[in-house]
Amino acid sequence: YNDNEPFKPWKGLKTNFRLLKRRLR
């Protein structure tokens, strides 16, 4: 229920994505 507010990415989203992707692999 976002009231048409845009998604605000958090600090570390990309870095954590890369770490988690490597762990999953």
PDB file of all heavy atoms in Angstrom:
ATOM      1  N   TYR A   1       0.879  -1.179   0.000  1.00  0.00           N
ATOM      2  CA  TYR A   1       0.000   0.000   0.000  1.00  0.00           C
ATOM      3  C   TYR A   1       0.911   1.223   0.000  1.00  0.00           C
ATOM      4  O   TYR A   1       1.251   1.766   1.041  1.00  0.00           O
ATOM      5  CB  TYR A   1      -0.901   0.009   1.241  1.00  0.00           C
ATOM      6  CG  TYR A   1      -1.844  -1.162   1.328  1.00  0.00           C
ATOM      7  CD1 TYR A   1      -1.741  -2.087   2.355  1.00  0.00           C
ATOM      8  CD2 TYR A   1      -2.861  -1.334   0.384  1.00  0.00           C
ATOM      9  CE1 TYR A   1      -2.614  -3.159   2.448  1.00  0.00           C
ATOM     10  CE2 TYR A   1      -3.732  -2.412   0.467  1.00  0.00           C
ATOM     11  CZ  TYR A   1      -3.608  -3.313   1.502  1.00  0.00           C
ATOM     12  OH  TYR A   1      -4.475  -4.379   1.592  1.00  0.00           O
ATOM     13  N   ASN A   2       1.332   1.655  -1.191  1.00  0.00           N
ATOM     14  CA  ASN A   2       2.413   2.641  -1.283  1.00  0.00           C
ATOM     15  C   ASN A   2       1.946   4.079  -1.527  1.00  0.00           C
ATOM     16  O   ASN A   2       2.780   4.978  -1.642  1.00  0.00           O
ATOM     17  CB  ASN A   2       3.410   2.218  -2.363  1.00  0.00           C
ATOM     18  CG  ASN A   2       2.760   2.143  -3.732  1.00  0.00           C
ATOM     19  OD1 ASN A   2       1.926   2.969  -4.085  1.00  0.00           O
ATOM     20  ND2 ASN A   2       3.143   1.154  -4.518  1.00  0.00           N
ATOM     21  N   ASP A   3       0.639   4.326  -1.641  1.00  0.00           N
ATOM     22  CA  ASP A   3       0.110   5.681  -1.869  1.00  0.00           C
ATOM     23  C   ASP A   3       0.832   6.400  -3.010  1.00  0.00           C
ATOM     24  O   ASP A   3       1.089   7.604  -2.937  1.00  0.00           O
ATOM     25  CB  ASP A   3       0.194   6.529  -0.582  1.00  0.00           C
ATOM     26  CG  ASP A   3      -0.784   6.059   0.471  1.00  0.00           C
ATOM     27  OD1 ASP A   3      -1.874   5.574   0.101  1.00  0.00           O
ATOM     28  OD2 ASP A   3      -0.453   6.167   1.664  1.00  0.00           O
ATOM     29  N   ASN A   4       1.196   5.650  -4.031  1.00  0.00           N
ATOM     30  CA  ASN A   4       1.899   6.192  -5.210  1.00  0.00           C
ATOM     31  C   ASN A   4       3.241   6.835  -4.886  1.00  0.00           C
ATOM     32  O   ASN A   4       3.754   7.636  -5.656  1.00  0.00           O
ATOM     33  CB  ASN A   4       1.008   7.168  -5.990  1.00  0.00           C
ATOM     34  CG  ASN A   4      -0.147   6.431  -6.631  1.00  0.00           C
ATOM     35  OD1 ASN A   4       0.030   5.346  -7.192  1.00  0.00           O
ATOM     36  ND2 ASN A   4      -1.339   7.002  -6.534  1.00  0.00           N
ATOM     37  N   GLU A   5       3.795   6.485  -3.742  1.00  0.00           N
ATOM     38  CA  GLU A   5       5.150   6.921  -3.412  1.00  0.00           C
ATOM     39  C   GLU A   5       6.129   6.016  -4.145  1.00  0.00           C
ATOM     40  O   GLU A   5       5.900   4.810  -4.245  1.00  0.00           O
ATOM     41  CB  GLU A   5       5.405   6.814  -1.904  1.00  0.00           C
ATOM     42  CG  GLU A   5       4.638   7.808  -1.070  1.00  0.00           C
ATOM     43  CD  GLU A   5       5.171   9.215  -1.216  1.00  0.00           C
ATOM     44  OE1 GLU A   5       6.403   9.386  -1.264  1.00  0.00           O
ATOM     45  OE2 GLU A   5       4.340  10.139  -1.294  1.00  0.00           O
ATOM     46  N   PRO A   6       7.249   6.556  -4.652  1.00  0.00           N
ATOM     47  CA  PRO A   6       8.225   5.698  -5.329  1.00  0.00           C
ATOM     48  C   PRO A   6       9.005   4.842  -4.328  1.00  0.00           C
ATOM     49  O   PRO A   6       9.130   5.203  -3.158  1.00  0.00           O
ATOM     50  CB  PRO A   6       9.158   6.700  -6.023  1.00  0.00           C
ATOM     51  CG  PRO A   6       9.053   7.936  -5.202  1.00  0.00           C
ATOM     52  CD  PRO A   6       7.639   7.969  -4.650  1.00  0.00           C
ATOM     53  N   PHE A   7       9.511   3.724  -4.800  1.00  0.00           N
ATOM     54  CA  PHE A   7      10.368   2.862  -3.990  1.00  0.00           C
ATOM     55  C   PHE A   7      11.661   3.595  -3.671  1.00  0.00           C
ATOM     56  O   PHE A   7      12.274   4.201  -4.545  1.00  0.00           O
ATOM     57  CB  PHE A   7      10.670   1.565  -4.753  1.00  0.00           C
ATOM     58  CG  PHE A   7      11.721   0.717  -4.107  1.00  0.00           C
ATOM     59  CD1 PHE A   7      11.514   0.175  -2.849  1.00  0.00           C
ATOM     60  CD2 PHE A   7      12.922   0.459  -4.745  1.00  0.00           C
ATOM     61  CE1 PHE A   7      12.485  -0.610  -2.238  1.00  0.00           C
ATOM     62  CE2 PHE A   7      13.896  -0.330  -4.148  1.00  0.00           C
ATOM     63  CZ  PHE A   7      13.675  -0.867  -2.890  1.00  0.00           C
ATOM     64  N   LYS A   8      12.071   3.547  -2.398  1.00  0.00           N
ATOM     65  CA  LYS A   8      13.315   4.197  -1.969  1.00  0.00           C
ATOM     66  C   LYS A   8      14.315   3.115  -1.582  1.00  0.00           C
ATOM     67  O   LYS A   8      14.177   2.497  -0.519  1.00  0.00           O
ATOM     68  CB  LYS A   8      13.042   5.109  -0.773  1.00  0.00           C
ATOM     69  CG  LYS A   8      12.144   6.292  -1.102  1.00  0.00           C
ATOM     70  CD  LYS A   8      11.916   7.138   0.144  1.00  0.00           C
ATOM     71  CE  LYS A   8      10.968   8.275  -0.129  1.00  0.00           C
ATOM     72  NZ  LYS A   8       9.554   7.907  -0.056  1.00  0.00           N
ATOM     73  N   PRO A   9      15.316   2.869  -2.429  1.00  0.00           N
ATOM     74  CA  PRO A   9      16.308   1.846  -2.088  1.00  0.00           C
ATOM     75  C   PRO A   9      17.113   2.266  -0.855  1.00  0.00           C
ATOM     76  O   PRO A   9      17.297   3.447  -0.597  1.00  0.00           O
ATOM     77  CB  PRO A   9      17.197   1.771  -3.326  1.00  0.00           C
ATOM     78  CG  PRO A   9      16.954   3.022  -4.076  1.00  0.00           C
ATOM     79  CD  PRO A   9      15.599   3.527  -3.697  1.00  0.00           C
ATOM     80  N   TRP A  10      17.555   1.275  -0.087  1.00  0.00           N
ATOM     81  CA  TRP A  10      18.319   1.541   1.118  1.00  0.00           C
ATOM     82  C   TRP A  10      19.798   1.434   0.822  1.00  0.00           C
ATOM     83  O   TRP A  10      20.228   0.811  -0.153  1.00  0.00           O
ATOM     84  CB  TRP A  10      17.910   0.567   2.225  1.00  0.00           C
ATOM     85  CG  TRP A  10      17.849  -0.853   1.744  1.00  0.00           C
ATOM     86  CD1 TRP A  10      18.876  -1.746   1.637  1.00  0.00           C
ATOM     87  CD2 TRP A  10      16.687  -1.524   1.244  1.00  0.00           C
ATOM     88  NE1 TRP A  10      18.424  -2.928   1.121  1.00  0.00           N
ATOM     89  CE2 TRP A  10      17.079  -2.820   0.866  1.00  0.00           C
ATOM     90  CE3 TRP A  10      15.349  -1.145   1.084  1.00  0.00           C
ATOM     91  CZ2 TRP A  10      16.201  -3.739   0.336  1.00  0.00           C
ATOM     92  CZ3 TRP A  10      14.467  -2.072   0.560  1.00  0.00           C
ATOM     93  CH2 TRP A  10      14.893  -3.355   0.200  1.00  0.00           C
ATOM     94  N   LYS A  11      20.579   2.021   1.723  1.00  0.00           N
ATOM     95  CA  LYS A  11      22.036   1.962   1.611  1.00  0.00           C
ATOM     96  C   LYS A  11      22.477   0.503   1.706  1.00  0.00           C
ATOM     97  O   LYS A  11      22.029  -0.230   2.588  1.00  0.00           O
ATOM     98  CB  LYS A  11      22.637   2.784   2.753  1.00  0.00           C
ATOM     99  CG  LYS A  11      24.130   2.963   2.660  1.00  0.00           C
ATOM    100  CD  LYS A  11      24.590   3.862   3.797  1.00  0.00           C
ATOM    101  CE  LYS A  11      25.997   4.234   3.643  1.00  0.00           C
ATOM    102  NZ  LYS A  11      27.082   4.005   4.121  1.00  0.00           N
ATOM    103  N   GLY A  12      23.332   0.065   0.807  1.00  0.00           N
ATOM    104  CA  GLY A  12      23.856  -1.293   0.841  1.00  0.00           C
ATOM    105  C   GLY A  12      23.065  -2.291   0.016  1.00  0.00           C
ATOM    106  O   GLY A  12      23.446  -3.463  -0.044  1.00  0.00           O
ATOM    107  N   LEU A  13      21.977  -1.878  -0.614  1.00  0.00           N
ATOM    108  CA  LEU A  13      21.147  -2.821  -1.382  1.00  0.00           C
ATOM    109  C   LEU A  13      21.977  -3.548  -2.445  1.00  0.00           C
ATOM    110  O   LEU A  13      21.942  -4.771  -2.523  1.00  0.00           O
ATOM    111  CB  LEU A  13      19.962  -2.087  -2.023  1.00  0.00           C
ATOM    112  CG  LEU A  13      18.916  -2.960  -2.723  1.00  0.00           C
ATOM    113  CD1 LEU A  13      17.557  -2.272  -2.695  1.00  0.00           C
ATOM    114  CD2 LEU A  13      19.263  -3.300  -4.155  1.00  0.00           C
ATOM    115  N   LYS A  14      22.742  -2.792  -3.260  1.00  0.00           N
ATOM    116  CA  LYS A  14      23.519  -3.430  -4.343  1.00  0.00           C
ATOM    117  C   LYS A  14      24.646  -4.307  -3.799  1.00  0.00           C
ATOM    118  O   LYS A  14      24.880  -5.403  -4.297  1.00  0.00           O
ATOM    119  CB  LYS A  14      24.110  -2.366  -5.270  1.00  0.00           C
ATOM    120  CG  LYS A  14      23.127  -1.820  -6.261  1.00  0.00           C
ATOM    121  CD  LYS A  14      23.816  -0.874  -7.230  1.00  0.00           C
ATOM    122  CE  LYS A  14      22.803  -0.337  -8.205  1.00  0.00           C
ATOM    123  NZ  LYS A  14      23.337   0.747  -9.031  1.00  0.00           N
ATOM    124  N   THR A  15      25.352  -3.826  -2.784  1.00  0.00           N
ATOM    125  CA  THR A  15      26.451  -4.597  -2.206  1.00  0.00           C
ATOM    126  C   THR A  15      25.933  -5.903  -1.615  1.00  0.00           C
ATOM    127  O   THR A  15      26.498  -6.975  -1.855  1.00  0.00           O
ATOM    128  CB  THR A  15      27.156  -3.774  -1.104  1.00  0.00           C
ATOM    129  OG1 THR A  15      27.587  -2.542  -1.684  1.00  0.00           O
ATOM    130  CG2 THR A  15      28.342  -4.520  -0.523  1.00  0.00           C
ATOM    131  N   ASN A  16      24.850  -5.822  -0.839  1.00  0.00           N
ATOM    132  CA  ASN A  16      24.278  -7.028  -0.239  1.00  0.00           C
ATOM    133  C   ASN A  16      23.745  -7.974  -1.303  1.00  0.00           C
ATOM    134  O   ASN A  16      23.868  -9.198  -1.175  1.00  0.00           O
ATOM    135  CB  ASN A  16      23.185  -6.663   0.765  1.00  0.00           C
ATOM    136  CG  ASN A  16      23.764  -6.014   2.005  1.00  0.00           C
ATOM    137  OD1 ASN A  16      24.948  -6.141   2.302  1.00  0.00           O
ATOM    138  ND2 ASN A  16      22.930  -5.298   2.735  1.00  0.00           N
ATOM    139  N   PHE A  17      23.165  -7.420  -2.366  1.00  0.00           N
ATOM    140  CA  PHE A  17      22.700  -8.251  -3.480  1.00  0.00           C
ATOM    141  C   PHE A  17      23.855  -9.079  -4.038  1.00  0.00           C
ATOM    142  O   PHE A  17      23.725 -10.294  -4.227  1.00  0.00           O
ATOM    143  CB  PHE A  17      22.077  -7.371  -4.576  1.00  0.00           C
ATOM    144  CG  PHE A  17      21.943  -8.076  -5.896  1.00  0.00           C
ATOM    145  CD1 PHE A  17      20.961  -9.044  -6.097  1.00  0.00           C
ATOM    146  CD2 PHE A  17      22.806  -7.796  -6.950  1.00  0.00           C
ATOM    147  CE1 PHE A  17      20.840  -9.707  -7.310  1.00  0.00           C
ATOM    148  CE2 PHE A  17      22.693  -8.452  -8.159  1.00  0.00           C
ATOM    149  CZ  PHE A  17      21.706  -9.413  -8.345  1.00  0.00           C
ATOM    150  N   ARG A  18      24.987  -8.436  -4.294  1.00  0.00           N
ATOM    151  CA  ARG A  18      26.140  -9.160  -4.873  1.00  0.00           C
ATOM    152  C   ARG A  18      26.649 -10.234  -3.922  1.00  0.00           C
ATOM    153  O   ARG A  18      26.956 -11.355  -4.346  1.00  0.00           O
ATOM    154  CB  ARG A  18      27.252  -8.176  -5.240  1.00  0.00           C
ATOM    155  CG  ARG A  18      26.928  -7.361  -6.485  1.00  0.00           C
ATOM    156  CD  ARG A  18      28.147  -6.636  -7.027  1.00  0.00           C
ATOM    157  NE  ARG A  18      28.640  -5.601  -6.136  1.00  0.00           N
ATOM    158  CZ  ARG A  18      28.238  -4.323  -6.148  1.00  0.00           C
ATOM    159  NH1 ARG A  18      27.330  -3.933  -7.020  1.00  0.00           N
ATOM    160  NH2 ARG A  18      28.741  -3.455  -5.298  1.00  0.00           N
ATOM    161  N   LEU A  19      26.748  -9.919  -2.617  1.00  0.00           N
ATOM    162  CA  LEU A  19      27.209 -10.908  -1.633  1.00  0.00           C
ATOM    163  C   LEU A  19      26.249 -12.095  -1.559  1.00  0.00           C
ATOM    164  O   LEU A  19      26.674 -13.252  -1.556  1.00  0.00           O
ATOM    165  CB  LEU A  19      27.328 -10.257  -0.248  1.00  0.00           C
ATOM    166  CG  LEU A  19      28.487  -9.294  -0.044  1.00  0.00           C
ATOM    167  CD1 LEU A  19      28.298  -8.512   1.258  1.00  0.00           C
ATOM    168  CD2 LEU A  19      29.810 -10.041  -0.017  1.00  0.00           C
ATOM    169  N   LEU A  20      24.951 -11.814  -1.486  1.00  0.00           N
ATOM    170  CA  LEU A  20      23.951 -12.876  -1.383  1.00  0.00           C
ATOM    171  C   LEU A  20      23.906 -13.725  -2.648  1.00  0.00           C
ATOM    172  O   LEU A  20      23.750 -14.943  -2.590  1.00  0.00           O
ATOM    173  CB  LEU A  20      22.580 -12.280  -1.072  1.00  0.00           C
ATOM    174  CG  LEU A  20      22.433 -11.718   0.346  1.00  0.00           C
ATOM    175  CD1 LEU A  20      21.241 -10.772   0.441  1.00  0.00           C
ATOM    176  CD2 LEU A  20      22.319 -12.849   1.358  1.00  0.00           C
ATOM    177  N   LYS A  21      24.056 -13.083  -3.787  1.00  0.00           N
ATOM    178  CA  LYS A  21      24.053 -13.816  -5.065  1.00  0.00           C
ATOM    179  C   LYS A  21      25.217 -14.813  -5.105  1.00  0.00           C
ATOM    180  O   LYS A  21      25.053 -15.956  -5.535  1.00  0.00           O
ATOM    181  CB  LYS A  21      24.115 -12.822  -6.224  1.00  0.00           C
ATOM    182  CG  LYS A  21      23.901 -13.453  -7.575  1.00  0.00           C
ATOM    183  CD  LYS A  21      23.826 -12.368  -8.643  1.00  0.00           C
ATOM    184  CE  LYS A  21      23.863 -12.973 -10.004  1.00  0.00           C
ATOM    185  NZ  LYS A  21      22.560 -13.092 -10.618  1.00  0.00           N
ATOM    186  N   ARG A  22      26.381 -14.370  -4.632  1.00  0.00           N
ATOM    187  CA  ARG A  22      27.546 -15.256  -4.602  1.00  0.00           C
ATOM    188  C   ARG A  22      27.303 -16.420  -3.636  1.00  0.00           C
ATOM    189  O   ARG A  22      27.595 -17.570  -3.953  1.00  0.00           O
ATOM    190  CB  ARG A  22      28.803 -14.471  -4.224  1.00  0.00           C
ATOM    191  CG  ARG A  22      30.078 -15.280  -4.402  1.00  0.00           C
ATOM    192  CD  ARG A  22      31.345 -14.458  -4.273  1.00  0.00           C
ATOM    193  NE  ARG A  22      31.529 -13.980  -2.914  1.00  0.00           N
ATOM    194  CZ  ARG A  22      31.643 -12.686  -2.587  1.00  0.00           C
ATOM    195  NH1 ARG A  22      31.608 -11.758  -3.507  1.00  0.00           N
ATOM    196  NH2 ARG A  22      31.812 -12.334  -1.329  1.00  0.00           N
ATOM    197  N   ARG A  23      26.756 -16.114  -2.442  1.00  0.00           N
ATOM    198  CA  ARG A  23      26.456 -17.170  -1.465  1.00  0.00           C
ATOM    199  C   ARG A  23      25.446 -18.172  -2.028  1.00  0.00           C
ATOM    200  O   ARG A  23      25.567 -19.373  -1.812  1.00  0.00           O
ATOM    201  CB  ARG A  23      25.911 -16.573  -0.169  1.00  0.00           C
ATOM    202  CG  ARG A  23      26.924 -15.869   0.654  1.00  0.00           C
ATOM    203  CD  ARG A  23      27.791 -16.871   1.376  1.00  0.00           C
ATOM    204  NE  ARG A  23      28.671 -16.162   2.299  1.00  0.00           N
ATOM    205  CZ  ARG A  23      29.973 -16.321   2.342  1.00  0.00           C
ATOM    206  NH1 ARG A  23      30.560 -17.150   1.534  1.00  0.00           N
ATOM    207  NH2 ARG A  23      30.697 -15.651   3.207  1.00  0.00           N
ATOM    208  N   LEU A  24      24.428 -17.683  -2.719  1.00  0.00           N
ATOM    209  CA  LEU A  24      23.428 -18.577  -3.302  1.00  0.00           C
ATOM    210  C   LEU A  24      24.080 -19.478  -4.343  1.00  0.00           C
ATOM    211  O   LEU A  24      23.847 -20.687  -4.363  1.00  0.00           O
ATOM    212  CB  LEU A  24      22.290 -17.781  -3.919  1.00  0.00           C
ATOM    213  CG  LEU A  24      21.227 -18.621  -4.653  1.00  0.00           C
ATOM    214  CD1 LEU A  24      20.545 -19.590  -3.701  1.00  0.00           C
ATOM    215  CD2 LEU A  24      20.205 -17.710  -5.323  1.00  0.00           C
ATOM    216  N   ARG A  25      24.892 -18.915  -5.199  1.00  0.00           N
ATOM    217  CA  ARG A  25      25.572 -19.702  -6.232  1.00  0.00           C
ATOM    218  C   ARG A  25      26.403 -20.809  -5.592  1.00  0.00           C
ATOM    219  O   ARG A  25      26.380 -21.960  -6.024  1.00  0.00           O
ATOM    220  CB  ARG A  25      26.434 -18.783  -7.097  1.00  0.00           C
ATOM    221  CG  ARG A  25      26.861 -19.376  -8.421  1.00  0.00           C
ATOM    222  CD  ARG A  25      27.485 -18.370  -9.372  1.00  0.00           C
ATOM    223  NE  ARG A  25      28.515 -17.560  -8.753  1.00  0.00           N
ATOM    224  CZ  ARG A  25      28.461 -16.230  -8.666  1.00  0.00           C
ATOM    225  NH1 ARG A  25      27.448 -15.551  -9.156  1.00  0.00           N
ATOM    226  NH2 ARG A  25      29.450 -15.558  -8.090  1.00  0.00           N
TER     227      ARG A  25
END
